[in-house]
């Protein structure tokens, strides 16, 4: 009886390992697919790939001290948008953070 219990435990561990490996592979694939989707839908990348898009007039208001979206990122996007033929006005509020109406913390 004891030998059978040991074999059952090894078999259970083996099955658990197989399931774990399958979940890990699926998670890795989902992660890769998610990042590919984010990349594909990134407005900066869309413009750089020169995809056919409608470029509506655009106003970007940016706090110079915003630590979530850096001014350099917005400046690059505005320049790329203009180079693609769009109208883009970028206003940077010096001394301001995330919300242009509130001082930076």
C-alpha atoms as a PDB file:
ATOM      1  CA  UNK A   1       0.000   0.000   0.000  1.00  0.00           C
ATOM      2  CA  UNK A   2       2.778   2.466   0.921  1.00  0.00           C
ATOM      3  CA  UNK A   3       4.440   2.027  -2.480  1.00  0.00           C
ATOM      4  CA  UNK A   4       1.160   2.808  -4.239  1.00  0.00           C
ATOM      5  CA  UNK A   5       0.742   6.021  -2.241  1.00  0.00           C
ATOM      6  CA  UNK A   6       4.266   7.149  -3.242  1.00  0.00           C
ATOM      7  CA  UNK A   7       3.518   6.463  -6.906  1.00  0.00           C
ATOM      8  CA  UNK A   8       0.253   8.410  -6.628  1.00  0.00           C
ATOM      9  CA  UNK A   9       2.065  11.371  -5.070  1.00  0.00           C
ATOM     10  CA  UNK A  10       4.726  11.353  -7.800  1.00  0.00           C
ATOM     11  CA  UNK A  11       2.014  11.120 -10.430  1.00  0.00           C
ATOM     12  CA  UNK A  12       0.123  14.031  -8.843  1.00  0.00           C
ATOM     13  CA  UNK A  13       3.310  16.132  -8.710  1.00  0.00           C
ATOM     14  CA  UNK A  14       4.003  15.304 -12.336  1.00  0.00           C
ATOM     15  CA  UNK A  15       0.471  16.347 -13.375  1.00  0.00           C
ATOM     16  CA  UNK A  16       0.777  19.543 -11.335  1.00  0.00           C
ATOM     17  CA  UNK A  17       4.084  20.357 -13.051  1.00  0.00           C
ATOM     18  CA  UNK A  18       2.567  19.800 -16.507  1.00  0.00           C
ATOM     19  CA  UNK A  19      -0.347  22.118 -15.666  1.00  0.00           C
ATOM     20  CA  UNK A  20       2.048  24.711 -14.224  1.00  0.00           C
ATOM     21  CA  UNK A  21       4.186  24.633 -17.386  1.00  0.00           C
ATOM     22  CA  UNK A  22       1.136  25.009 -19.623  1.00  0.00           C
ATOM     23  CA  UNK A  23      -0.139  27.993 -17.611  1.00  0.00           C
ATOM     24  CA  UNK A  24       3.326  29.589 -17.660  1.00  0.00           C
ATOM     25  CA  UNK A  25       3.553  29.211 -21.446  1.00  0.00           C
ATOM     26  CA  UNK A  26       0.037  30.613 -21.896  1.00  0.00           C
ATOM     27  CA  UNK A  27       0.839  33.569 -19.606  1.00  0.00           C
ATOM     28  CA  UNK A  28       4.046  34.326 -21.481  1.00  0.00           C
ATOM     29  CA  UNK A  29       2.183  34.209 -24.815  1.00  0.00           C
ATOM     30  CA  UNK A  30      -0.584  36.472 -23.454  1.00  0.00           C
ATOM     31  CA  UNK A  31       2.026  38.935 -22.229  1.00  0.00           C
ATOM     32  CA  UNK A  32       3.755  39.021 -25.612  1.00  0.00           C
ATOM     33  CA  UNK A  33       0.428  39.435 -27.444  1.00  0.00           C
ATOM     34  CA  UNK A  34      -0.576  42.252 -25.071  1.00  0.00           C
ATOM     35  CA  UNK A  35       2.632  44.199 -25.675  1.00  0.00           C
ATOM     36  CA  UNK A  36       2.345  43.685 -29.434  1.00  0.00           C
ATOM     37  CA  UNK A  37      -1.195  45.115 -29.273  1.00  0.00           C
ATOM     38  CA  UNK A  38      -0.029  48.090 -27.213  1.00  0.00           C
ATOM     39  CA  UNK A  39       2.786  48.716 -29.714  1.00  0.00           C
ATOM     40  CA  UNK A  40       0.422  48.433 -32.682  1.00  0.00           C
ATOM     41  CA  UNK A  41      -2.025  50.946 -31.164  1.00  0.00           C
ATOM     42  CA  UNK A  42       0.601  53.463 -30.000  1.00  0.00           C
ATOM     43  CA  UNK A  43      -0.164  56.827 -31.699  1.00  0.00           C
ATOM     44  CA  UNK A  44       3.543  57.712 -31.964  1.00  0.00           C
ATOM     45  CA  UNK A  45       4.287  54.389 -33.661  1.00  0.00           C
ATOM     46  CA  UNK A  46       1.277  54.735 -35.980  1.00  0.00           C
ATOM     47  CA  UNK A  47       2.598  58.086 -37.206  1.00  0.00           C
ATOM     48  CA  UNK A  48       6.168  56.816 -37.517  1.00  0.00           C
ATOM     49  CA  UNK A  49       4.934  53.842 -39.578  1.00  0.00           C
ATOM     50  CA  UNK A  50       3.177  56.389 -41.828  1.00  0.00           C
ATOM     51  CA  UNK A  51      -0.152  54.595 -41.554  1.00  0.00           C
ATOM     52  CA  UNK A  52      -3.104  56.264 -43.281  1.00  0.00           C
ATOM     53  CA  UNK A  53      -4.932  58.119 -40.502  1.00  0.00           C
ATOM     54  CA  UNK A  54      -7.169  61.162 -40.187  1.00  0.00           C
ATOM     55  CA  UNK A  55      -5.209  63.964 -38.523  1.00  0.00           C
ATOM     56  CA  UNK A  56      -7.645  66.248 -36.711  1.00  0.00           C
ATOM     57  CA  UNK A  57      -6.422  69.540 -35.202  1.00  0.00           C
ATOM     58  CA  UNK A  58      -4.815  68.716 -31.872  1.00  0.00           C
ATOM     59  CA  UNK A  59      -4.105  70.689 -28.675  1.00  0.00           C
ATOM     60  CA  UNK A  60      -1.692  69.225 -26.126  1.00  0.00           C
ATOM     61  CA  UNK A  61      -1.446  70.898 -22.714  1.00  0.00           C
ATOM     62  CA  UNK A  62       1.554  69.714 -20.708  1.00  0.00           C
ATOM     63  CA  UNK A  63       2.957  70.558 -17.291  1.00  0.00           C
ATOM     64  CA  UNK A  64       6.741  70.960 -17.571  1.00  0.00           C
ATOM     65  CA  UNK A  65       7.174  69.131 -14.246  1.00  0.00           C
ATOM     66  CA  UNK A  66       4.857  66.231 -15.126  1.00  0.00           C
ATOM     67  CA  UNK A  67       6.687  63.077 -14.082  1.00  0.00           C
ATOM     68  CA  UNK A  68       4.129  60.727 -15.649  1.00  0.00           C
ATOM     69  CA  UNK A  69       4.370  61.919 -19.261  1.00  0.00           C
ATOM     70  CA  UNK A  70       7.583  63.817 -19.885  1.00  0.00           C
ATOM     71  CA  UNK A  71       7.571  67.033 -21.906  1.00  0.00           C
ATOM     72  CA  UNK A  72      10.127  65.528 -24.288  1.00  0.00           C
ATOM     73  CA  UNK A  73       7.661  62.754 -25.159  1.00  0.00           C
ATOM     74  CA  UNK A  74       4.932  65.291 -25.947  1.00  0.00           C
ATOM     75  CA  UNK A  75       7.332  67.463 -27.946  1.00  0.00           C
ATOM     76  CA  UNK A  76       8.401  64.457 -30.025  1.00  0.00           C
ATOM     77  CA  UNK A  77       4.764  63.473 -30.641  1.00  0.00           C
ATOM     78  CA  UNK A  78       3.783  67.035 -31.628  1.00  0.00           C
ATOM     79  CA  UNK A  79       6.719  67.231 -34.060  1.00  0.00           C
ATOM     80  CA  UNK A  80       5.846  63.846 -35.569  1.00  0.00           C
ATOM     81  CA  UNK A  81       2.160  64.836 -35.855  1.00  0.00           C
ATOM     82  CA  UNK A  82       3.102  68.059 -37.664  1.00  0.00           C
ATOM     83  CA  UNK A  83       5.537  66.219 -39.945  1.00  0.00           C
ATOM     84  CA  UNK A  84       2.680  63.873 -40.902  1.00  0.00           C
ATOM     85  CA  UNK A  85       0.644  66.914 -42.002  1.00  0.00           C
ATOM     86  CA  UNK A  86      -1.470  67.500 -38.894  1.00  0.00           C
ATOM     87  CA  UNK A  87      -2.074  70.738 -37.019  1.00  0.00           C
ATOM     88  CA  UNK A  88      -0.800  70.426 -33.450  1.00  0.00           C
ATOM     89  CA  UNK A  89      -0.429  73.098 -30.797  1.00  0.00           C
ATOM     90  CA  UNK A  90       1.661  72.164 -27.771  1.00  0.00           C
ATOM     91  CA  UNK A  91       1.413  74.367 -24.675  1.00  0.00           C
ATOM     92  CA  UNK A  92       3.876  73.636 -21.880  1.00  0.00           C
ATOM     93  CA  UNK A  93       3.122  75.138 -18.474  1.00  0.00           C
ATOM     94  CA  UNK A  94       6.397  75.916 -16.718  1.00  0.00           C
ATOM     95  CA  UNK A  95       6.507  75.103 -13.011  1.00  0.00           C
ATOM     96  CA  UNK A  96       3.427  72.897 -13.238  1.00  0.00           C
ATOM     97  CA  UNK A  97       2.986  69.176 -12.769  1.00  0.00           C
ATOM     98  CA  UNK A  98       0.415  66.686 -13.999  1.00  0.00           C
ATOM     99  CA  UNK A  99      -2.490  69.142 -13.921  1.00  0.00           C
ATOM    100  CA  UNK A 100      -1.581  72.518 -15.479  1.00  0.00           C
ATOM    101  CA  UNK A 101      -3.935  74.325 -13.075  1.00  0.00           C
ATOM    102  CA  UNK A 102      -2.263  72.911  -9.946  1.00  0.00           C
ATOM    103  CA  UNK A 103       1.295  73.517  -8.738  1.00  0.00           C
ATOM    104  CA  UNK A 104       3.667  70.558  -8.741  1.00  0.00           C
ATOM    105  CA  UNK A 105       3.994  68.629  -5.481  1.00  0.00           C
END
